[in-house]
Each structure stands twice: as structure tokens, then as C-alpha cells.
Amino acid sequence: KIDSNGSSNCLIRVPEHKFAIVHGLEDYIVVDESDVLLIY
């Protein structure tokens, strides 16, 4: 469940049960696998 308002051209993947708010990123990869969070 993702609120990406304010971000653009990003790939965002988080666990199905998680709510993520991703603001102010452009051209980023955001992957949350519970034990590892990658923002690249």
C-alpha cells in the first residue's frame, strides 16, 4: 500500500501488508524486504 505523492519515475515494492509513504524521490528504486530496505 503505497502513497507516492511527490515522487516520480520510481519503482517501489514493499511487503503486501505494509503502508509506505515515499515523498520527494525521483528516479529511485525502493525495495523493502522486511530485513533489508534498499533505496537506490
PDB file of all heavy atoms in Angstrom:
ATOM      1  N   LYS A   1       0.876  -1.177   0.000  1.00  0.00           N
ATOM      2  CA  LYS A   1       0.000   0.000   0.000  1.00  0.00           C
ATOM      3  C   LYS A   1       0.904   1.215   0.000  1.00  0.00           C
ATOM      4  O   LYS A   1       1.604   1.477   0.980  1.00  0.00           O
ATOM      5  CB  LYS A   1      -0.917  -0.043   1.223  1.00  0.00           C
ATOM      6  CG  LYS A   1      -1.744  -1.325   1.330  1.00  0.00           C
ATOM      7  CD  LYS A   1      -2.489  -1.383   2.653  1.00  0.00           C
ATOM      8  CE  LYS A   1      -3.285  -2.677   2.779  1.00  0.00           C
ATOM      9  NZ  LYS A   1      -2.401  -3.873   2.852  1.00  0.00           N
ATOM     10  N   ILE A   2       0.902   1.959  -1.093  1.00  0.00           N
ATOM     11  CA  ILE A   2       1.927   2.986  -1.300  1.00  0.00           C
ATOM     12  C   ILE A   2       1.303   4.332  -1.618  1.00  0.00           C
ATOM     13  O   ILE A   2       0.446   4.442  -2.502  1.00  0.00           O
ATOM     14  CB  ILE A   2       2.873   2.573  -2.455  1.00  0.00           C
ATOM     15  CG1 ILE A   2       3.532   1.215  -2.143  1.00  0.00           C
ATOM     16  CG2 ILE A   2       3.946   3.635  -2.685  1.00  0.00           C
ATOM     17  CD1 ILE A   2       4.217   0.580  -3.334  1.00  0.00           C
ATOM     18  N   ASP A   3       1.743   5.359  -0.895  1.00  0.00           N
ATOM     19  CA  ASP A   3       1.434   6.749  -1.218  1.00  0.00           C
ATOM     20  C   ASP A   3       2.707   7.364  -1.780  1.00  0.00           C
ATOM     21  O   ASP A   3       3.669   7.608  -1.045  1.00  0.00           O
ATOM     22  CB  ASP A   3       0.971   7.499   0.032  1.00  0.00           C
ATOM     23  CG  ASP A   3       0.552   8.938  -0.271  1.00  0.00           C
ATOM     24  OD1 ASP A   3       0.986   9.471  -1.306  1.00  0.00           O
ATOM     25  OD2 ASP A   3      -0.195   9.526   0.542  1.00  0.00           O
ATOM     26  N   SER A   4       2.727   7.569  -3.087  1.00  0.00           N
ATOM     27  CA  SER A   4       3.935   8.082  -3.741  1.00  0.00           C
ATOM     28  C   SER A   4       3.778   9.536  -4.160  1.00  0.00           C
ATOM     29  O   SER A   4       4.545  10.034  -4.982  1.00  0.00           O
ATOM     30  CB  SER A   4       4.261   7.224  -4.966  1.00  0.00           C
ATOM     31  OG  SER A   4       3.181   7.247  -5.891  1.00  0.00           O
ATOM     32  N   ASN A   5       2.803  10.226  -3.593  1.00  0.00           N
ATOM     33  CA  ASN A   5       2.571  11.628  -3.938  1.00  0.00           C
ATOM     34  C   ASN A   5       3.838  12.444  -3.674  1.00  0.00           C
ATOM     35  O   ASN A   5       4.400  12.420  -2.569  1.00  0.00           O
ATOM     36  CB  ASN A   5       1.403  12.176  -3.101  1.00  0.00           C
ATOM     37  CG  ASN A   5       1.041  13.584  -3.516  1.00  0.00           C
ATOM     38  OD1 ASN A   5       1.064  13.923  -4.696  1.00  0.00           O
ATOM     39  ND2 ASN A   5       0.717  14.415  -2.534  1.00  0.00           N
ATOM     40  N   GLY A   6       4.285  13.164  -4.695  1.00  0.00           N
ATOM     41  CA  GLY A   6       5.504  13.956  -4.560  1.00  0.00           C
ATOM     42  C   GLY A   6       6.747  13.249  -5.047  1.00  0.00           C
ATOM     43  O   GLY A   6       7.831  13.833  -5.052  1.00  0.00           O
ATOM     44  N   SER A   7       6.625  11.983  -5.455  1.00  0.00           N
ATOM     45  CA  SER A   7       7.738  11.253  -6.056  1.00  0.00           C
ATOM     46  C   SER A   7       7.421  10.958  -7.514  1.00  0.00           C
ATOM     47  O   SER A   7       6.256  10.924  -7.914  1.00  0.00           O
ATOM     48  CB  SER A   7       7.997   9.940  -5.312  1.00  0.00           C
ATOM     49  OG  SER A   7       8.482  10.173  -4.013  1.00  0.00           O
ATOM     50  N   SER A   8       8.450  10.746  -8.318  1.00  0.00           N
ATOM     51  CA  SER A   8       8.230  10.497  -9.743  1.00  0.00           C
ATOM     52  C   SER A   8       9.251   9.520 -10.288  1.00  0.00           C
ATOM     53  O   SER A   8      10.401   9.471  -9.826  1.00  0.00           O
ATOM     54  CB  SER A   8       8.286  11.809 -10.542  1.00  0.00           C
ATOM     55  OG  SER A   8       9.552  12.435 -10.398  1.00  0.00           O
ATOM     56  N   ASN A   9       8.811   8.728 -11.256  1.00  0.00           N
ATOM     57  CA  ASN A   9       9.675   7.800 -12.002  1.00  0.00           C
ATOM     58  C   ASN A   9      10.426   6.832 -11.087  1.00  0.00           C
ATOM     59  O   ASN A   9      11.575   6.475 -11.341  1.00  0.00           O
ATOM     60  CB  ASN A   9      10.668   8.578 -12.876  1.00  0.00           C
ATOM     61  CG  ASN A   9       9.965   9.512 -13.835  1.00  0.00           C
ATOM     62  OD1 ASN A   9       8.948   9.173 -14.422  1.00  0.00           O
ATOM     63  ND2 ASN A   9      10.496  10.727 -13.970  1.00  0.00           N
ATOM     64  N   CYS A  10       9.757   6.411 -10.028  1.00  0.00           N
ATOM     65  CA  CYS A  10      10.361   5.476  -9.079  1.00  0.00           C
ATOM     66  C   CYS A  10       9.743   4.085  -9.217  1.00  0.00           C
ATOM     67  O   CYS A  10       8.597   3.943  -9.641  1.00  0.00           O
ATOM     68  CB  CYS A  10      10.154   5.957  -7.641  1.00  0.00           C
ATOM     69  SG  CYS A  10      11.047   7.473  -7.236  1.00  0.00           S
ATOM     70  N   LEU A  11      10.502   3.097  -8.840  1.00  0.00           N
ATOM     71  CA  LEU A  11       9.990   1.741  -8.668  1.00  0.00           C
ATOM     72  C   LEU A  11       9.911   1.490  -7.170  1.00  0.00           C
ATOM     73  O   LEU A  11      10.915   1.652  -6.452  1.00  0.00           O
ATOM     74  CB  LEU A  11      10.907   0.729  -9.335  1.00  0.00           C
ATOM     75  CG  LEU A  11      10.517  -0.758  -9.198  1.00  0.00           C
ATOM     76  CD1 LEU A  11      10.914  -1.536 -10.432  1.00  0.00           C
ATOM     77  CD2 LEU A  11      11.186  -1.395  -7.962  1.00  0.00           C
ATOM     78  N   ILE A  12       8.724   1.112  -6.697  1.00  0.00           N
ATOM     79  CA  ILE A  12       8.522   0.934  -5.264  1.00  0.00           C
ATOM     80  C   ILE A  12       7.862  -0.419  -5.024  1.00  0.00           C
ATOM     81  O   ILE A  12       6.823  -0.735  -5.603  1.00  0.00           O
ATOM     82  CB  ILE A  12       7.656   2.064  -4.673  1.00  0.00           C
ATOM     83  CG1 ILE A  12       8.244   3.437  -5.040  1.00  0.00           C
ATOM     84  CG2 ILE A  12       7.546   1.909  -3.155  1.00  0.00           C
ATOM     85  CD1 ILE A  12       7.370   4.604  -4.663  1.00  0.00           C
ATOM     86  N   ARG A  13       8.485  -1.202  -4.161  1.00  0.00           N
ATOM     87  CA  ARG A  13       7.972  -2.536  -3.829  1.00  0.00           C
ATOM     88  C   ARG A  13       8.156  -2.766  -2.336  1.00  0.00           C
ATOM     89  O   ARG A  13       9.284  -2.773  -1.838  1.00  0.00           O
ATOM     90  CB  ARG A  13       8.723  -3.602  -4.628  1.00  0.00           C
ATOM     91  CG  ARG A  13       8.201  -5.032  -4.481  1.00  0.00           C
ATOM     92  CD  ARG A  13       9.056  -5.959  -5.339  1.00  0.00           C
ATOM     93  NE  ARG A  13       8.482  -7.272  -5.513  1.00  0.00           N
ATOM     94  CZ  ARG A  13       8.734  -8.332  -4.745  1.00  0.00           C
ATOM     95  NH1 ARG A  13       9.558  -8.192  -3.718  1.00  0.00           N
ATOM     96  NH2 ARG A  13       8.185  -9.498  -4.991  1.00  0.00           N
ATOM     97  N   VAL A  14       7.052  -2.919  -1.612  1.00  0.00           N
ATOM     98  CA  VAL A  14       7.109  -3.161  -0.173  1.00  0.00           C
ATOM     99  C   VAL A  14       6.236  -4.373   0.138  1.00  0.00           C
ATOM    100  O   VAL A  14       5.437  -4.806  -0.703  1.00  0.00           O
ATOM    101  CB  VAL A  14       6.633  -1.925   0.624  1.00  0.00           C
ATOM    102  CG1 VAL A  14       7.484  -0.709   0.280  1.00  0.00           C
ATOM    103  CG2 VAL A  14       5.165  -1.633   0.372  1.00  0.00           C
ATOM    104  N   PRO A  15       6.362  -4.962   1.326  1.00  0.00           N
ATOM    105  CA  PRO A  15       5.511  -6.096   1.665  1.00  0.00           C
ATOM    106  C   PRO A  15       4.026  -5.762   1.533  1.00  0.00           C
ATOM    107  O   PRO A  15       3.613  -4.615   1.759  1.00  0.00           O
ATOM    108  CB  PRO A  15       5.895  -6.393   3.122  1.00  0.00           C
ATOM    109  CG  PRO A  15       7.300  -5.905   3.235  1.00  0.00           C
ATOM    110  CD  PRO A  15       7.366  -4.680   2.380  1.00  0.00           C
ATOM    111  N   GLU A  16       3.234  -6.758   1.169  1.00  0.00           N
ATOM    112  CA  GLU A  16       1.818  -6.529   0.902  1.00  0.00           C
ATOM    113  C   GLU A  16       1.087  -5.906   2.080  1.00  0.00           C
ATOM    114  O   GLU A  16       0.164  -5.120   1.905  1.00  0.00           O
ATOM    115  CB  GLU A  16       1.150  -7.851   0.506  1.00  0.00           C
ATOM    116  CG  GLU A  16       1.597  -8.384  -0.848  1.00  0.00           C
ATOM    117  CD  GLU A  16       0.867  -9.648  -1.239  1.00  0.00           C
ATOM    118  OE1 GLU A  16      -0.004 -10.085  -0.452  1.00  0.00           O
ATOM    119  OE2 GLU A  16       1.154 -10.204  -2.309  1.00  0.00           O
ATOM    120  N   HIS A  17       1.489  -6.252   3.294  1.00  0.00           N
ATOM    121  CA  HIS A  17       0.792  -5.765   4.475  1.00  0.00           C
ATOM    122  C   HIS A  17       1.230  -4.372   4.900  1.00  0.00           C
ATOM    123  O   HIS A  17       0.628  -3.770   5.792  1.00  0.00           O
ATOM    124  CB  HIS A  17       1.033  -6.721   5.654  1.00  0.00           C
ATOM    125  CG  HIS A  17       2.466  -6.770   6.095  1.00  0.00           C
ATOM    126  ND1 HIS A  17       3.394  -7.596   5.493  1.00  0.00           N
ATOM    127  CD2 HIS A  17       3.138  -6.081   7.052  1.00  0.00           C
ATOM    128  CE1 HIS A  17       4.570  -7.434   6.073  1.00  0.00           C
ATOM    129  NE2 HIS A  17       4.453  -6.505   7.014  1.00  0.00           N
ATOM    130  N   LYS A  18       2.295  -3.841   4.269  1.00  0.00           N
ATOM    131  CA  LYS A  18       2.898  -2.594   4.741  1.00  0.00           C
ATOM    132  C   LYS A  18       2.373  -1.385   3.975  1.00  0.00           C
ATOM    133  O   LYS A  18       2.136  -1.442   2.774  1.00  0.00           O
ATOM    134  CB  LYS A  18       4.425  -2.671   4.626  1.00  0.00           C
ATOM    135  CG  LYS A  18       5.154  -1.426   5.157  1.00  0.00           C
ATOM    136  CD  LYS A  18       6.652  -1.630   5.200  1.00  0.00           C
ATOM    137  CE  LYS A  18       7.046  -2.532   6.348  1.00  0.00           C
ATOM    138  NZ  LYS A  18       8.514  -2.561   6.570  1.00  0.00           N
ATOM    139  N   PHE A  19       2.212  -0.276   4.691  1.00  0.00           N
ATOM    140  CA  PHE A  19       1.865   1.007   4.064  1.00  0.00           C
ATOM    141  C   PHE A  19       3.137   1.842   4.005  1.00  0.00           C
ATOM    142  O   PHE A  19       3.799   2.065   5.023  1.00  0.00           O
ATOM    143  CB  PHE A  19       0.791   1.736   4.881  1.00  0.00           C
ATOM    144  CG  PHE A  19       0.155   2.871   4.133  1.00  0.00           C
ATOM    145  CD1 PHE A  19      -1.069   2.718   3.497  1.00  0.00           C
ATOM    146  CD2 PHE A  19       0.786   4.105   4.059  1.00  0.00           C
ATOM    147  CE1 PHE A  19      -1.648   3.767   2.790  1.00  0.00           C
ATOM    148  CE2 PHE A  19       0.224   5.155   3.356  1.00  0.00           C
ATOM    149  CZ  PHE A  19      -1.009   4.980   2.728  1.00  0.00           C
ATOM    150  N   ALA A  20       3.478   2.316   2.827  1.00  0.00           N
ATOM    151  CA  ALA A  20       4.691   3.113   2.640  1.00  0.00           C
ATOM    152  C   ALA A  20       4.343   4.482   2.089  1.00  0.00           C
ATOM    153  O   ALA A  20       3.530   4.612   1.170  1.00  0.00           O
ATOM    154  CB  ALA A  20       5.649   2.397   1.689  1.00  0.00           C
ATOM    155  N   ILE A  21       4.950   5.503   2.655  1.00  0.00           N
ATOM    156  CA  ILE A  21       4.803   6.874   2.163  1.00  0.00           C
ATOM    157  C   ILE A  21       6.167   7.281   1.616  1.00  0.00           C
ATOM    158  O   ILE A  21       7.151   7.362   2.361  1.00  0.00           O
ATOM    159  CB  ILE A  21       4.361   7.834   3.279  1.00  0.00           C
ATOM    160  CG1 ILE A  21       3.031   7.362   3.876  1.00  0.00           C
ATOM    161  CG2 ILE A  21       4.226   9.253   2.745  1.00  0.00           C
ATOM    162  CD1 ILE A  21       2.643   8.069   5.139  1.00  0.00           C
ATOM    163  N   VAL A  22       6.248   7.492   0.324  1.00  0.00           N
ATOM    164  CA  VAL A  22       7.516   7.813  -0.332  1.00  0.00           C
ATOM    165  C   VAL A  22       7.361   9.176  -1.002  1.00  0.00           C
ATOM    166  O   VAL A  22       6.646   9.328  -1.991  1.00  0.00           O
ATOM    167  CB  VAL A  22       7.889   6.739  -1.378  1.00  0.00           C
ATOM    168  CG1 VAL A  22       9.233   7.065  -2.013  1.00  0.00           C
ATOM    169  CG2 VAL A  22       7.939   5.353  -0.734  1.00  0.00           C
ATOM    170  N   HIS A  23       8.017  10.164  -0.452  1.00  0.00           N
ATOM    171  CA  HIS A  23       7.840  11.551  -0.911  1.00  0.00           C
ATOM    172  C   HIS A  23       9.182  12.149  -1.305  1.00  0.00           C
ATOM    173  O   HIS A  23      10.189  11.961  -0.626  1.00  0.00           O
ATOM    174  CB  HIS A  23       7.198  12.390   0.198  1.00  0.00           C
ATOM    175  CG  HIS A  23       6.942  13.815  -0.202  1.00  0.00           C
ATOM    176  ND1 HIS A  23       5.822  14.196  -0.913  1.00  0.00           N
ATOM    177  CD2 HIS A  23       7.668  14.939  -0.004  1.00  0.00           C
ATOM    178  CE1 HIS A  23       5.863  15.502  -1.126  1.00  0.00           C
ATOM    179  NE2 HIS A  23       6.978  15.972  -0.588  1.00  0.00           N
ATOM    180  N   GLY A  24       9.186  12.873  -2.420  1.00  0.00           N
ATOM    181  CA  GLY A  24      10.352  13.664  -2.797  1.00  0.00           C
ATOM    182  C   GLY A  24      11.452  12.917  -3.507  1.00  0.00           C
ATOM    183  O   GLY A  24      12.544  13.454  -3.700  1.00  0.00           O
ATOM    184  N   LEU A  25      11.180  11.690  -3.923  1.00  0.00           N
ATOM    185  CA  LEU A  25      12.195  10.936  -4.654  1.00  0.00           C
ATOM    186  C   LEU A  25      11.915  10.981  -6.156  1.00  0.00           C
ATOM    187  O   LEU A  25      10.761  10.947  -6.578  1.00  0.00           O
ATOM    188  CB  LEU A  25      12.229   9.482  -4.196  1.00  0.00           C
ATOM    189  CG  LEU A  25      12.741   9.203  -2.783  1.00  0.00           C
ATOM    190  CD1 LEU A  25      12.789   7.701  -2.539  1.00  0.00           C
ATOM    191  CD2 LEU A  25      14.110   9.826  -2.550  1.00  0.00           C
ATOM    192  N   GLU A  26      12.976  11.001  -6.937  1.00  0.00           N
ATOM    193  CA  GLU A  26      12.855  10.965  -8.396  1.00  0.00           C
ATOM    194  C   GLU A  26      13.884   9.987  -8.949  1.00  0.00           C
ATOM    195  O   GLU A  26      15.064  10.053  -8.611  1.00  0.00           O
ATOM    196  CB  GLU A  26      13.077  12.355  -8.995  1.00  0.00           C
ATOM    197  CG  GLU A  26      12.922  12.381 -10.512  1.00  0.00           C
ATOM    198  CD  GLU A  26      13.056  13.778 -11.099  1.00  0.00           C
ATOM    199  OE1 GLU A  26      13.196  14.733 -10.312  1.00  0.00           O
ATOM    200  OE2 GLU A  26      13.024  13.897 -12.342  1.00  0.00           O
ATOM    201  N   ASP A  27      13.402   9.039  -9.771  1.00  0.00           N
ATOM    202  CA  ASP A  27      14.279   8.053 -10.406  1.00  0.00           C
ATOM    203  C   ASP A  27      15.008   7.192  -9.372  1.00  0.00           C
ATOM    204  O   ASP A  27      16.224   6.997  -9.444  1.00  0.00           O
ATOM    205  CB  ASP A  27      15.287   8.730 -11.330  1.00  0.00           C
ATOM    206  CG  ASP A  27      14.632   9.347 -12.546  1.00  0.00           C
ATOM    207  OD1 ASP A  27      13.764   8.703 -13.142  1.00  0.00           O
ATOM    208  OD2 ASP A  27      14.963  10.507 -12.877  1.00  0.00           O
ATOM    209  N   TYR A  28      14.264   6.656  -8.429  1.00  0.00           N
ATOM    210  CA  TYR A  28      14.840   5.799  -7.402  1.00  0.00           C
ATOM    211  C   TYR A  28      14.184   4.415  -7.402  1.00  0.00           C
ATOM    212  O   TYR A  28      13.045   4.252  -7.836  1.00  0.00           O
ATOM    213  CB  TYR A  28      14.680   6.413  -6.011  1.00  0.00           C
ATOM    214  CG  TYR A  28      15.894   7.194  -5.557  1.00  0.00           C
ATOM    215  CD1 TYR A  28      16.157   8.467  -6.074  1.00  0.00           C
ATOM    216  CD2 TYR A  28      16.795   6.664  -4.643  1.00  0.00           C
ATOM    217  CE1 TYR A  28      17.274   9.185  -5.677  1.00  0.00           C
ATOM    218  CE2 TYR A  28      17.910   7.366  -4.242  1.00  0.00           C
ATOM    219  CZ  TYR A  28      18.156   8.623  -4.750  1.00  0.00           C
ATOM    220  OH  TYR A  28      19.278   9.321  -4.357  1.00  0.00           O
ATOM    221  N   ILE A  29      14.932   3.449  -6.907  1.00  0.00           N
ATOM    222  CA  ILE A  29      14.430   2.112  -6.617  1.00  0.00           C
ATOM    223  C   ILE A  29      14.237   2.021  -5.109  1.00  0.00           C
ATOM    224  O   ILE A  29      15.171   2.291  -4.339  1.00  0.00           O
ATOM    225  CB  ILE A  29      15.438   1.041  -7.080  1.00  0.00           C
ATOM    226  CG1 ILE A  29      15.646   1.105  -8.590  1.00  0.00           C
ATOM    227  CG2 ILE A  29      14.990  -0.353  -6.655  1.00  0.00           C
ATOM    228  CD1 ILE A  29      16.889   0.356  -9.063  1.00  0.00           C
ATOM    229  N   VAL A  30      13.033   1.650  -4.696  1.00  0.00           N
ATOM    230  CA  VAL A  30      12.748   1.473  -3.275  1.00  0.00           C
ATOM    231  C   VAL A  30      12.183   0.058  -3.097  1.00  0.00           C
ATOM    232  O   VAL A  30      11.096  -0.250  -3.588  1.00  0.00           O
ATOM    233  CB  VAL A  30      11.734   2.517  -2.759  1.00  0.00           C
ATOM    234  CG1 VAL A  30      11.450   2.288  -1.274  1.00  0.00           C
ATOM    235  CG2 VAL A  30      12.241   3.935  -3.001  1.00  0.00           C
ATOM    236  N   VAL A  31      12.934  -0.787  -2.418  1.00  0.00           N
ATOM    237  CA  VAL A  31      12.522  -2.171  -2.220  1.00  0.00           C
ATOM    238  C   VAL A  31      12.672  -2.511  -0.743  1.00  0.00           C
ATOM    239  O   VAL A  31      13.776  -2.447  -0.190  1.00  0.00           O
ATOM    240  CB  VAL A  31      13.359  -3.146  -3.075  1.00  0.00           C
ATOM    241  CG1 VAL A  31      12.914  -4.581  -2.822  1.00  0.00           C
ATOM    242  CG2 VAL A  31      13.223  -2.803  -4.553  1.00  0.00           C
ATOM    243  N   ASP A  32      11.579  -2.875  -0.112  1.00  0.00           N
ATOM    244  CA  ASP A  32      11.567  -3.247   1.295  1.00  0.00           C
ATOM    245  C   ASP A  32      11.258  -4.729   1.406  1.00  0.00           C
ATOM    246  O   ASP A  32      10.184  -5.187   1.026  1.00  0.00           O
ATOM    247  CB  ASP A  32      10.490  -2.424   2.025  1.00  0.00           C
ATOM    248  CG  ASP A  32      10.483  -2.695   3.531  1.00  0.00           C
ATOM    249  OD1 ASP A  32      11.184  -3.619   3.973  1.00  0.00           O
ATOM    250  OD2 ASP A  32       9.764  -1.976   4.246  1.00  0.00           O
ATOM    251  N   GLU A  33      12.231  -5.494   1.916  1.00  0.00           N
ATOM    252  CA  GLU A  33      12.054  -6.928   2.101  1.00  0.00           C
ATOM    253  C   GLU A  33      12.058  -7.301   3.575  1.00  0.00           C
ATOM    254  O   GLU A  33      12.508  -8.369   3.958  1.00  0.00           O
ATOM    255  CB  GLU A  33      13.154  -7.687   1.351  1.00  0.00           C
ATOM    256  CG  GLU A  33      13.030  -7.622  -0.144  1.00  0.00           C
ATOM    257  CD  GLU A  33      11.795  -8.340  -0.657  1.00  0.00           C
ATOM    258  OE1 GLU A  33      11.447  -9.403  -0.100  1.00  0.00           O
ATOM    259  OE2 GLU A  33      11.186  -7.838  -1.613  1.00  0.00           O
ATOM    260  N   SER A  34      11.570  -6.404   4.412  1.00  0.00           N
ATOM    261  CA  SER A  34      11.475  -6.605   5.861  1.00  0.00           C
ATOM    262  C   SER A  34      12.835  -6.570   6.547  1.00  0.00           C
ATOM    263  O   SER A  34      13.080  -5.730   7.409  1.00  0.00           O
ATOM    264  CB  SER A  34      10.734  -7.900   6.204  1.00  0.00           C
ATOM    265  OG  SER A  34       9.411  -7.841   5.733  1.00  0.00           O
ATOM    266  N   ASP A  35      13.756  -7.479   6.165  1.00  0.00           N
ATOM    267  CA  ASP A  35      15.068  -7.453   6.808  1.00  0.00           C
ATOM    268  C   ASP A  35      16.050  -6.540   6.090  1.00  0.00           C
ATOM    269  O   ASP A  35      17.121  -6.239   6.622  1.00  0.00           O
ATOM    270  CB  ASP A  35      15.652  -8.864   6.893  1.00  0.00           C
ATOM    271  CG  ASP A  35      15.867  -9.506   5.529  1.00  0.00           C
ATOM    272  OD1 ASP A  35      15.149  -9.129   4.582  1.00  0.00           O
ATOM    273  OD2 ASP A  35      16.748 -10.382   5.408  1.00  0.00           O
ATOM    274  N   VAL A  36      15.701  -6.089   4.880  1.00  0.00           N
ATOM    275  CA  VAL A  36      16.560  -5.194   4.110  1.00  0.00           C
ATOM    276  C   VAL A  36      15.689  -4.130   3.440  1.00  0.00           C
ATOM    277  O   VAL A  36      14.678  -4.457   2.816  1.00  0.00           O
ATOM    278  CB  VAL A  36      17.360  -5.936   3.015  1.00  0.00           C
ATOM    279  CG1 VAL A  36      18.230  -4.961   2.234  1.00  0.00           C
ATOM    280  CG2 VAL A  36      18.212  -7.041   3.612  1.00  0.00           C
ATOM    281  N   LEU A  37      16.096  -2.884   3.570  1.00  0.00           N
ATOM    282  CA  LEU A  37      15.460  -1.787   2.851  1.00  0.00           C
ATOM    283  C   LEU A  37      16.487  -1.200   1.893  1.00  0.00           C
ATOM    284  O   LEU A  37      17.549  -0.734   2.319  1.00  0.00           O
ATOM    285  CB  LEU A  37      14.961  -0.707   3.814  1.00  0.00           C
ATOM    286  CG  LEU A  37      14.447   0.596   3.174  1.00  0.00           C
ATOM    287  CD1 LEU A  37      13.229   0.314   2.294  1.00  0.00           C
ATOM    288  CD2 LEU A  37      14.115   1.638   4.235  1.00  0.00           C
ATOM    289  N   LEU A  38      16.190  -1.237   0.603  1.00  0.00           N
ATOM    290  CA  LEU A  38      17.076  -0.701  -0.426  1.00  0.00           C
ATOM    291  C   LEU A  38      16.461   0.565  -1.001  1.00  0.00           C
ATOM    292  O   LEU A  38      15.330   0.548  -1.484  1.00  0.00           O
ATOM    293  CB  LEU A  38      17.284  -1.728  -1.543  1.00  0.00           C
ATOM    294  CG  LEU A  38      18.102  -1.256  -2.747  1.00  0.00           C
ATOM    295  CD1 LEU A  38      19.586  -1.189  -2.388  1.00  0.00           C
ATOM    296  CD2 LEU A  38      17.899  -2.186  -3.946  1.00  0.00           C
ATOM    297  N   ILE A  39      17.191   1.666  -0.944  1.00  0.00           N
ATOM    298  CA  ILE A  39      16.793   2.927  -1.576  1.00  0.00           C
ATOM    299  C   ILE A  39      17.983   3.338  -2.430  1.00  0.00           C
ATOM    300  O   ILE A  39      19.037   3.721  -1.905  1.00  0.00           O
ATOM    301  CB  ILE A  39      16.452   4.016  -0.534  1.00  0.00           C
ATOM    302  CG1 ILE A  39      15.368   3.516   0.424  1.00  0.00           C
ATOM    303  CG2 ILE A  39      15.996   5.295  -1.228  1.00  0.00           C
ATOM    304  CD1 ILE A  39      15.091   4.466   1.579  1.00  0.00           C
ATOM    305  N   TYR A  40      17.827   3.244  -3.763  1.00  0.00           N
ATOM    306  CA  TYR A  40      18.998   3.351  -4.635  1.00  0.00           C
ATOM    307  C   TYR A  40      18.633   4.060  -5.925  1.00  0.00           C
ATOM    308  O   TYR A  40      17.556   3.825  -6.481  1.00  0.00           O
ATOM    309  CB  TYR A  40      19.528   1.942  -4.953  1.00  0.00           C
ATOM    310  CG  TYR A  40      21.024   1.850  -5.000  1.00  0.00           C
ATOM    311  CD1 TYR A  40      21.762   1.753  -3.827  1.00  0.00           C
ATOM    312  CD2 TYR A  40      21.704   1.881  -6.208  1.00  0.00           C
ATOM    313  CE1 TYR A  40      23.146   1.665  -3.863  1.00  0.00           C
ATOM    314  CE2 TYR A  40      23.080   1.794  -6.250  1.00  0.00           C
ATOM    315  CZ  TYR A  40      23.803   1.694  -5.076  1.00  0.00           C
ATOM    316  OH  TYR A  40      25.175   1.618  -5.110  1.00  0.00           O
TER     317      TYR A  40
END
